[in-house]
Amino acid sequence: MLEHLQPVPGDPLLSLMVAYKNDTRANKIDLGVGVYKDNQGNTPVLECVKKAESWLLENETTKTYIGSAGAPALGLELQRLILGADNPLLSSGRLTSVQSTGGTGALRIAGDFIHRSLPNATLWASDPTWANHYNVFESAGITVKSYPYYDAANQSLKFDEMMATLATVPAGDVVLLHACCHNPTGIDLAPAQWQQVGELLKERQIMPLIDLAYLGFATDEDRDVEGVRILAQLCDEMLIASSCSKNFGLYNERIGGLTLLAKTERDAQAGYSQICYAIRGNYSMPPNHGAAIVTCILQSDDLKALWLQELGEMRGRINTMRNAFVQTLNEQGLNNRFDFIADQRGMFSFSGLNPHQVQRLQKEDAIYIVGSGRINVAGMTPDNLPRLCSAIARVVKG
């Protein structure tokens, strides 16, 4: 029955992970996979997470199912974190949230919800965007188109072109926006630009879908969601897919959330039921452990303060390495060619390295970078930075 099947090409990023793992060279450098790493190249468990797990170990009383929507307390805490604890929307009845299996799971549930509830809607994603966005939404049966975003020649945002394209998007379609730390470019919208986007989406009756994967990794936990809060003030309807993988270091717990903002309380409850229906048909119910950790941290003043401190330390390390990367490349004689990287935000940088240069770095130097030239800045350490920059200078110079 299966003899007609053909192998599907492997995901480039997952293939890169395998190649890195199988590389036996002792000095290999992983700048491909999007996980945070410390100065020793490790992905640590945060102290606030350890404290929360210790509390849960002593106080947890059951391992029973938690329902398709997941932990209700988590949804409320994520709403407070994203929109602000004093936001009147929290008590309006227009917001509902569900737990998801990571940020990707939130996106997929959003895709299923859109396909079922807005069957004629096309989803518009930035060019470029996270490569898996296409897989997630097309697998949910949604047509995906793109709007201009990144000017590779000038390493800048194509905002005018972006707005011109969004002005042609039909009413009832969905526009996917990165809340902060745009993946892969590291270039974000300014608050005034978010305002213009929000006004256009409201005017044209287009629903925004926000991918919030890196809260706290650009500036801080409030300014990183300033754009989301602007849209929430302007737009009657919105979906927010949030992840706790990076900012809580809970990658393998697969914990995130999907929040729906609706025009009325009735619409919110109807949408909630549709989202839960989609979850039931996918994985039925989410696991509890990661949700319990995040809820425990956000409900405790002490643990939340510790989390924000650790989050600031992670963000600070990334920014330090980003600036050191630019400075060291200049010291290698590249004449400010990569200065634009210092202005990007988050874990990633669109380096401008071409596929041939990326292949040379992998083959000759055991340096692993995504073929598009996207670099995970968090993979840089004080120890590997000199060799990394020397190798990049060599391949760039020819």
Protein backbone atom coordinates (compact mmCIF):
# COMPACT_ATOMS: atom_id res chain seq x y z
CA MET A 1 0.00 0.00 0.00
CA LEU A 2 2.85 2.38 0.66
CA GLU A 3 5.02 1.61 -2.36
CA HIS A 4 3.89 4.83 -4.08
CA LEU A 5 5.30 7.03 -1.29
CA GLN A 6 8.38 9.15 -1.90
CA PRO A 7 10.67 10.44 0.88
CA VAL A 8 9.96 14.00 1.96
CA PRO A 9 13.05 16.22 2.00
CA GLY A 10 14.19 16.65 5.57
CA ASP A 11 13.67 19.95 7.35
CA PRO A 12 16.89 21.93 6.70
CA LEU A 13 17.24 22.98 10.33
CA LEU A 14 16.67 19.47 11.68
CA SER A 15 19.15 18.13 9.11
CA LEU A 16 21.66 20.73 10.29
CA MET A 17 21.14 19.53 13.88
CA VAL A 18 21.92 15.96 12.84
CA ALA A 19 25.00 17.00 10.86
CA TYR A 20 26.31 18.97 13.83
CA LYS A 21 25.69 16.09 16.23
CA ASN A 22 27.53 13.66 13.94
CA ASP A 23 30.51 15.98 13.40
CA THR A 24 33.42 14.61 15.44
CA ARG A 25 35.59 17.73 15.23
CA ALA A 26 36.28 19.00 18.74
CA ASN A 27 36.10 22.69 17.87
CA LYS A 28 32.69 22.67 16.14
CA ILE A 29 30.37 25.67 16.63
CA ASP A 30 26.57 25.49 16.46
CA LEU A 31 24.98 28.77 15.33
CA GLY A 32 21.99 27.15 13.66
CA VAL A 33 19.54 25.77 16.21
CA GLY A 34 17.47 28.47 17.92
CA VAL A 35 18.15 27.76 21.58
CA TYR A 36 19.73 30.00 24.18
CA LYS A 37 23.23 29.08 25.35
CA ASP A 38 25.38 30.50 28.12
CA ASN A 39 29.05 31.46 27.98
CA GLN A 40 30.02 27.79 28.29
CA GLY A 41 27.81 26.79 25.37
CA ASN A 42 25.20 25.09 27.57
CA THR A 43 21.42 25.58 27.65
CA PRO A 44 20.84 25.93 31.40
CA VAL A 45 17.81 25.27 33.56
CA LEU A 46 16.85 28.61 35.12
CA GLU A 47 17.07 28.88 38.89
CA CYS A 48 13.47 30.10 39.04
CA VAL A 49 12.41 26.94 37.20
CA LYS A 50 14.30 24.73 39.65
CA LYS A 51 12.64 26.50 42.58
CA ALA A 52 9.20 26.14 41.01
CA GLU A 53 9.76 22.44 40.33
CA SER A 54 10.88 21.92 43.91
CA TRP A 55 7.69 23.56 45.16
CA LEU A 56 5.58 21.47 42.79
CA LEU A 57 7.29 18.26 43.91
CA GLU A 58 6.24 18.95 47.48
CA ASN A 59 2.74 20.29 46.78
CA GLU A 60 1.40 18.57 43.67
CA THR A 61 -1.48 16.29 44.60
CA THR A 62 -2.66 14.72 41.33
CA LYS A 63 -1.64 13.73 37.82
CA THR A 64 -5.15 13.72 36.38
CA TYR A 65 -6.13 15.23 33.01
CA ILE A 66 -6.31 19.02 32.87
CA GLY A 67 -8.79 19.34 29.98
CA SER A 68 -8.36 20.37 26.35
CA ALA A 69 -7.85 24.05 27.19
CA GLY A 70 -5.11 23.25 29.68
CA ALA A 71 -4.49 25.07 32.94
CA PRO A 72 -6.88 28.07 33.28
CA ALA A 73 -4.50 29.88 35.59
CA LEU A 74 -1.76 29.79 32.95
CA GLY A 75 -3.99 31.51 30.39
CA LEU A 76 -4.77 34.35 32.79
CA GLU A 77 -1.11 34.82 33.69
CA LEU A 78 -0.10 34.91 30.02
CA GLN A 79 -2.79 37.52 29.35
CA ARG A 80 -1.43 39.67 32.18
CA LEU A 81 2.12 39.25 30.95
CA ILE A 82 1.33 40.06 27.32
CA LEU A 83 -1.27 42.82 27.66
CA GLY A 84 -0.38 44.25 31.07
CA ALA A 85 -1.91 43.43 34.45
CA ASP A 86 -3.99 46.63 34.49
CA ASN A 87 -5.32 46.31 30.93
CA PRO A 88 -9.14 46.66 30.98
CA LEU A 89 -9.40 43.95 28.32
CA LEU A 90 -8.60 41.38 31.01
CA SER A 91 -11.99 41.95 32.63
CA SER A 92 -13.94 42.67 29.45
CA GLY A 93 -14.92 39.10 28.64
CA ARG A 94 -13.43 39.55 25.17
CA LEU A 95 -10.28 37.52 25.91
CA THR A 96 -9.90 33.76 26.09
CA SER A 97 -6.72 31.69 26.29
CA VAL A 98 -5.76 28.05 26.01
CA GLN A 99 -2.57 26.19 26.80
CA SER A 100 -0.65 24.82 23.82
CA THR A 101 2.21 22.46 23.11
CA GLY A 102 4.79 25.17 22.65
CA GLY A 103 4.57 28.21 20.41
CA THR A 104 4.43 25.98 17.35
CA GLY A 105 1.45 24.15 18.79
CA ALA A 106 -0.26 27.49 19.37
CA LEU A 107 0.33 28.45 15.73
CA ARG A 108 -1.04 25.12 14.49
CA ILE A 109 -4.18 25.40 16.64
CA ALA A 110 -4.58 28.96 15.36
CA GLY A 111 -4.27 27.55 11.83
CA ASP A 112 -6.93 24.92 12.46
CA PHE A 113 -9.21 27.54 14.02
CA ILE A 114 -8.76 29.89 11.05
CA HIS A 115 -9.33 27.12 8.51
CA ARG A 116 -12.54 26.03 10.24
CA SER A 117 -13.92 29.45 11.20
CA LEU A 118 -12.65 31.57 8.29
CA PRO A 119 -12.47 29.00 5.49
CA ASN A 120 -11.85 31.56 2.75
CA ALA A 121 -9.08 33.41 4.57
CA THR A 122 -5.55 33.64 3.18
CA LEU A 123 -2.70 34.09 5.65
CA TRP A 124 -0.04 36.70 4.85
CA ALA A 125 3.47 36.23 6.27
CA SER A 126 6.52 38.48 6.10
CA ASP A 127 9.21 37.85 3.48
CA PRO A 128 11.24 36.28 4.97
CA THR A 129 9.63 34.59 7.95
CA TRP A 130 10.34 31.54 10.10
CA ALA A 131 10.53 28.77 7.52
CA ASN A 132 8.23 26.47 9.51
CA HIS A 133 5.37 28.98 9.31
CA TYR A 134 4.60 27.73 5.81
CA ASN A 135 4.58 24.10 6.90
CA VAL A 136 2.38 24.79 9.92
CA PHE A 137 -0.29 26.78 8.13
CA GLU A 138 -0.31 24.93 4.82
CA SER A 139 -0.67 21.67 6.76
CA ALA A 140 -3.76 23.22 8.33
CA GLY A 141 -5.17 23.77 4.83
CA ILE A 142 -4.48 27.52 4.65
CA THR A 143 -3.11 29.35 1.62
CA VAL A 144 -0.05 31.40 2.59
CA LYS A 145 1.12 34.50 0.73
CA SER A 146 3.84 36.98 1.61
CA TYR A 147 4.24 40.71 2.09
CA PRO A 148 7.58 42.59 1.72
CA TYR A 149 9.59 42.97 4.91
CA TYR A 150 13.37 42.77 4.59
CA ASP A 151 15.65 44.69 2.24
CA ALA A 152 18.66 42.39 1.92
CA ALA A 153 20.70 44.89 -0.07
CA ASN A 154 20.42 47.58 2.61
CA GLN A 155 19.86 45.33 5.66
CA SER A 156 16.74 47.32 6.55
CA LEU A 157 12.97 47.15 6.81
CA LYS A 158 10.84 47.60 3.69
CA PHE A 159 8.12 49.38 5.63
CA ASP A 160 6.63 51.40 2.78
CA GLU A 161 6.45 48.31 0.55
CA MET A 162 5.02 46.31 3.44
CA MET A 163 2.24 48.85 4.00
CA ALA A 164 1.50 49.11 0.29
CA THR A 165 0.98 45.34 0.07
CA LEU A 166 -1.08 45.15 3.26
CA ALA A 167 -3.32 47.85 1.80
CA THR A 168 -4.30 45.35 -0.91
CA VAL A 169 -5.07 42.44 1.44
CA PRO A 170 -8.78 41.56 1.25
CA ALA A 171 -11.03 41.98 4.26
CA GLY A 172 -11.33 38.75 6.21
CA ASP A 173 -7.75 37.63 5.59
CA VAL A 174 -5.17 37.12 8.35
CA VAL A 175 -1.78 38.88 8.64
CA LEU A 176 0.98 37.14 10.60
CA LEU A 177 3.25 39.53 12.52
CA HIS A 178 6.28 38.86 14.74
CA ALA A 179 5.85 40.64 18.08
CA CYS A 180 9.59 41.16 18.60
CA CYS A 181 12.97 39.64 17.69
CA HIS A 182 11.79 38.97 14.13
CA ASN A 183 12.90 35.52 13.00
CA PRO A 184 15.12 35.40 10.96
CA THR A 185 16.05 39.07 10.40
CA GLY A 186 16.20 40.50 13.93
CA ILE A 187 14.56 43.70 12.61
CA ASP A 188 11.40 44.83 14.42
CA LEU A 189 8.71 47.41 13.83
CA ALA A 190 8.96 50.65 15.83
CA PRO A 191 5.94 51.68 17.98
CA ALA A 192 4.87 54.32 15.43
CA GLN A 193 4.98 51.66 12.71
CA TRP A 194 2.89 49.29 14.81
CA GLN A 195 0.36 52.10 15.13
CA GLN A 196 0.19 52.50 11.35
CA VAL A 197 -0.14 48.74 10.83
CA GLY A 198 -2.89 48.52 13.44
CA GLU A 199 -4.87 51.37 11.91
CA LEU A 200 -4.63 49.77 8.47
CA LEU A 201 -5.71 46.33 9.72
CA LYS A 202 -8.66 47.85 11.58
CA GLU A 203 -9.71 49.90 8.57
CA ARG A 204 -9.54 46.92 6.20
CA GLN A 205 -11.04 44.44 8.69
CA ILE A 206 -8.02 42.14 8.61
CA MET A 207 -7.26 39.90 11.59
CA PRO A 208 -3.72 40.04 13.03
CA LEU A 209 -2.08 36.82 14.20
CA ILE A 210 0.89 37.55 16.45
CA ASP A 211 3.79 35.14 16.82
CA LEU A 212 5.23 35.95 20.24
CA ALA A 213 8.15 33.55 20.58
CA TYR A 214 10.80 35.76 22.20
CA LEU A 215 9.17 37.98 24.81
CA GLY A 216 11.92 39.60 26.89
CA PHE A 217 14.76 38.90 24.47
CA ALA A 218 14.78 42.26 22.66
CA THR A 219 14.46 45.04 25.26
CA ASP A 220 12.36 44.00 28.26
CA GLU A 221 9.12 42.20 29.11
CA ASP A 222 6.97 45.31 28.54
CA ARG A 223 8.53 47.03 25.53
CA ASP A 224 8.78 43.73 23.65
CA VAL A 225 4.98 43.52 23.56
CA GLU A 226 4.31 47.22 22.96
CA GLY A 227 3.23 46.43 19.39
CA VAL A 228 0.83 43.73 20.60
CA ARG A 229 -0.73 46.14 23.08
CA ILE A 230 -1.14 48.78 20.37
CA LEU A 231 -2.94 46.30 18.14
CA ALA A 232 -5.15 45.16 21.03
CA GLN A 233 -6.32 48.76 21.48
CA LEU A 234 -7.07 49.21 17.79
CA CYS A 235 -8.31 45.85 16.50
CA ASP A 236 -11.58 44.18 17.46
CA GLU A 237 -10.18 40.70 16.85
CA MET A 238 -6.72 39.19 17.21
CA LEU A 239 -4.91 35.91 17.83
CA ILE A 240 -1.69 35.73 19.87
CA ALA A 241 0.48 32.59 19.80
CA SER A 242 2.99 32.77 22.66
CA SER A 243 5.89 30.53 23.62
CA CYS A 244 7.59 29.87 26.95
CA SER A 245 10.48 27.95 25.38
CA LYS A 246 13.11 30.68 25.13
CA ASN A 247 12.26 33.09 27.92
CA PHE A 248 11.70 30.36 30.54
CA GLY A 249 14.24 27.93 29.05
CA LEU A 250 11.51 25.27 28.88
CA TYR A 251 12.26 23.94 25.42
CA ASN A 252 11.50 20.28 26.02
CA GLU A 253 8.40 20.95 28.14
CA ARG A 254 6.63 22.28 25.00
CA ILE A 255 4.64 24.97 26.75
CA GLY A 256 2.90 27.98 25.24
CA GLY A 257 -0.52 29.50 24.79
CA LEU A 258 -3.01 30.78 22.25
CA THR A 259 -5.01 33.88 23.17
CA LEU A 260 -8.08 35.10 21.26
CA LEU A 261 -9.32 38.67 21.41
CA ALA A 262 -12.89 38.89 20.06
CA LYS A 263 -15.26 41.79 19.43
CA THR A 264 -17.78 40.67 22.02
CA GLU A 265 -17.95 38.29 24.97
CA ARG A 266 -20.30 36.05 22.98
CA ASP A 267 -17.80 35.86 20.12
CA ALA A 268 -14.99 35.11 22.54
CA GLN A 269 -16.85 32.16 24.04
CA ALA A 270 -17.83 30.83 20.63
CA GLY A 271 -14.22 31.14 19.47
CA TYR A 272 -13.01 29.43 22.64
CA SER A 273 -15.27 26.46 21.97
CA GLN A 274 -13.99 26.21 18.40
CA ILE A 275 -10.36 26.35 19.56
CA CYS A 276 -10.97 23.63 22.16
CA TYR A 277 -12.63 21.54 19.47
CA ALA A 278 -9.49 21.89 17.33
CA ILE A 279 -7.30 20.87 20.26
CA ARG A 280 -9.46 17.83 20.97
CA GLY A 281 -8.98 16.68 17.39
CA ASN A 282 -5.20 17.16 17.52
CA TYR A 283 -3.76 15.97 20.83
CA SER A 284 -6.88 15.97 23.02
CA MET A 285 -5.22 17.49 26.11
CA PRO A 286 -1.87 19.14 26.81
CA PRO A 287 0.64 18.01 29.44
CA ASN A 288 0.62 19.77 32.78
CA HIS A 289 4.20 20.01 34.05
CA GLY A 290 5.45 22.94 31.97
CA ALA A 291 2.24 24.87 32.52
CA ALA A 292 2.50 24.31 36.27
CA ILE A 293 6.07 25.62 36.27
CA VAL A 294 5.24 28.83 34.40
CA THR A 295 2.09 29.43 36.46
CA CYS A 296 3.99 28.91 39.69
CA ILE A 297 6.65 31.43 38.64
CA LEU A 298 4.23 34.09 37.42
CA GLN A 299 1.98 33.79 40.50
CA SER A 300 4.88 34.21 42.94
CA ASP A 301 6.30 37.71 43.42
CA ASP A 302 9.69 36.30 44.42
CA LEU A 303 9.94 33.76 41.61
CA LYS A 304 8.72 36.25 39.01
CA ALA A 305 11.35 38.76 40.15
CA LEU A 306 14.01 36.05 39.89
CA TRP A 307 12.75 35.10 36.42
CA LEU A 308 12.90 38.69 35.20
CA GLN A 309 16.44 38.95 36.58
CA GLU A 310 17.53 35.77 34.78
CA LEU A 311 15.73 36.85 31.62
CA GLY A 312 17.61 40.15 31.73
CA GLU A 313 20.90 38.29 32.13
CA MET A 314 20.17 36.12 29.08
CA ARG A 315 19.20 39.17 27.03
CA GLY A 316 22.29 41.02 28.20
CA ARG A 317 24.59 38.16 27.23
CA ILE A 318 23.10 38.01 23.74
CA ASN A 319 23.50 41.76 23.25
CA THR A 320 27.07 41.62 24.54
CA MET A 321 27.97 38.85 22.09
CA ARG A 322 26.20 40.65 19.24
CA ASN A 323 28.29 43.79 19.76
CA ALA A 324 31.47 41.80 20.31
CA PHE A 325 30.79 39.90 17.07
CA VAL A 326 30.56 43.13 15.08
CA GLN A 327 33.66 44.58 16.73
CA THR A 328 35.73 41.44 16.18
CA LEU A 329 34.70 41.23 12.51
CA ASN A 330 35.83 44.82 12.05
CA GLU A 331 39.15 43.96 13.69
CA GLN A 332 39.45 41.22 11.06
CA GLY A 333 39.48 43.91 8.38
CA LEU A 334 35.88 43.73 7.16
CA ASN A 335 35.55 47.53 7.22
CA ASN A 336 32.22 47.89 9.03
CA ARG A 337 30.55 45.53 6.58
CA PHE A 338 28.58 43.82 9.34
CA ASP A 339 27.78 46.85 11.53
CA PHE A 340 24.05 46.44 10.82
CA ILE A 341 24.04 43.32 13.00
CA ALA A 342 24.47 45.51 16.09
CA ASP A 343 21.08 47.09 15.42
CA GLN A 344 19.21 43.78 15.18
CA ARG A 345 17.46 42.32 18.21
CA GLY A 346 16.94 38.91 19.73
CA MET A 347 18.74 35.62 19.32
CA PHE A 348 19.01 35.77 15.54
CA SER A 349 20.90 37.77 12.95
CA PHE A 350 20.41 37.79 9.21
CA SER A 351 24.14 37.91 8.57
CA GLY A 352 24.21 38.40 4.81
CA LEU A 353 26.40 35.31 4.35
CA ASN A 354 25.44 33.49 1.16
CA PRO A 355 24.84 29.71 0.87
CA HIS A 356 28.29 29.08 -0.61
CA GLN A 357 29.99 30.86 2.30
CA VAL A 358 27.81 28.97 4.78
CA GLN A 359 28.79 25.66 3.18
CA ARG A 360 32.48 26.55 3.33
CA LEU A 361 32.23 27.43 7.00
CA GLN A 362 30.62 24.07 7.75
CA LYS A 363 33.05 22.03 5.64
CA GLU A 364 36.29 23.84 6.46
CA ASP A 365 35.69 25.11 9.99
CA ALA A 366 32.92 22.99 11.59
CA ILE A 367 30.79 26.13 11.91
CA TYR A 368 27.08 25.35 11.47
CA ILE A 369 24.80 28.12 10.16
CA VAL A 370 21.39 27.95 8.46
CA GLY A 371 21.70 28.12 4.67
CA SER A 372 19.94 31.50 4.54
CA GLY A 373 22.77 33.00 6.57
CA ARG A 374 20.69 33.28 9.75
CA ILE A 375 22.97 33.10 12.79
CA ASN A 376 21.96 32.26 16.34
CA VAL A 377 23.92 34.90 18.25
CA ALA A 378 23.34 33.00 21.50
CA GLY A 379 25.59 30.24 20.13
CA MET A 380 28.58 32.58 20.31
CA THR A 381 30.83 32.47 23.37
CA PRO A 382 33.94 34.42 24.39
CA ASP A 383 35.97 31.30 23.62
CA ASN A 384 34.64 30.55 20.12
CA LEU A 385 34.21 34.15 18.91
CA PRO A 386 37.81 34.75 17.70
CA ARG A 387 37.89 31.58 15.60
CA LEU A 388 34.37 32.23 14.30
CA CYS A 389 35.18 35.76 13.14
CA SER A 390 38.48 34.71 11.62
CA ALA A 391 36.73 32.02 9.59
CA ILE A 392 33.98 34.37 8.44
CA ALA A 393 36.54 36.98 7.39
CA ARG A 394 38.39 34.36 5.37
CA VAL A 395 35.35 33.15 3.40
CA VAL A 396 33.99 36.68 2.89
CA LYS A 397 37.31 37.89 1.50
CA GLY A 398 37.31 34.95 -0.91
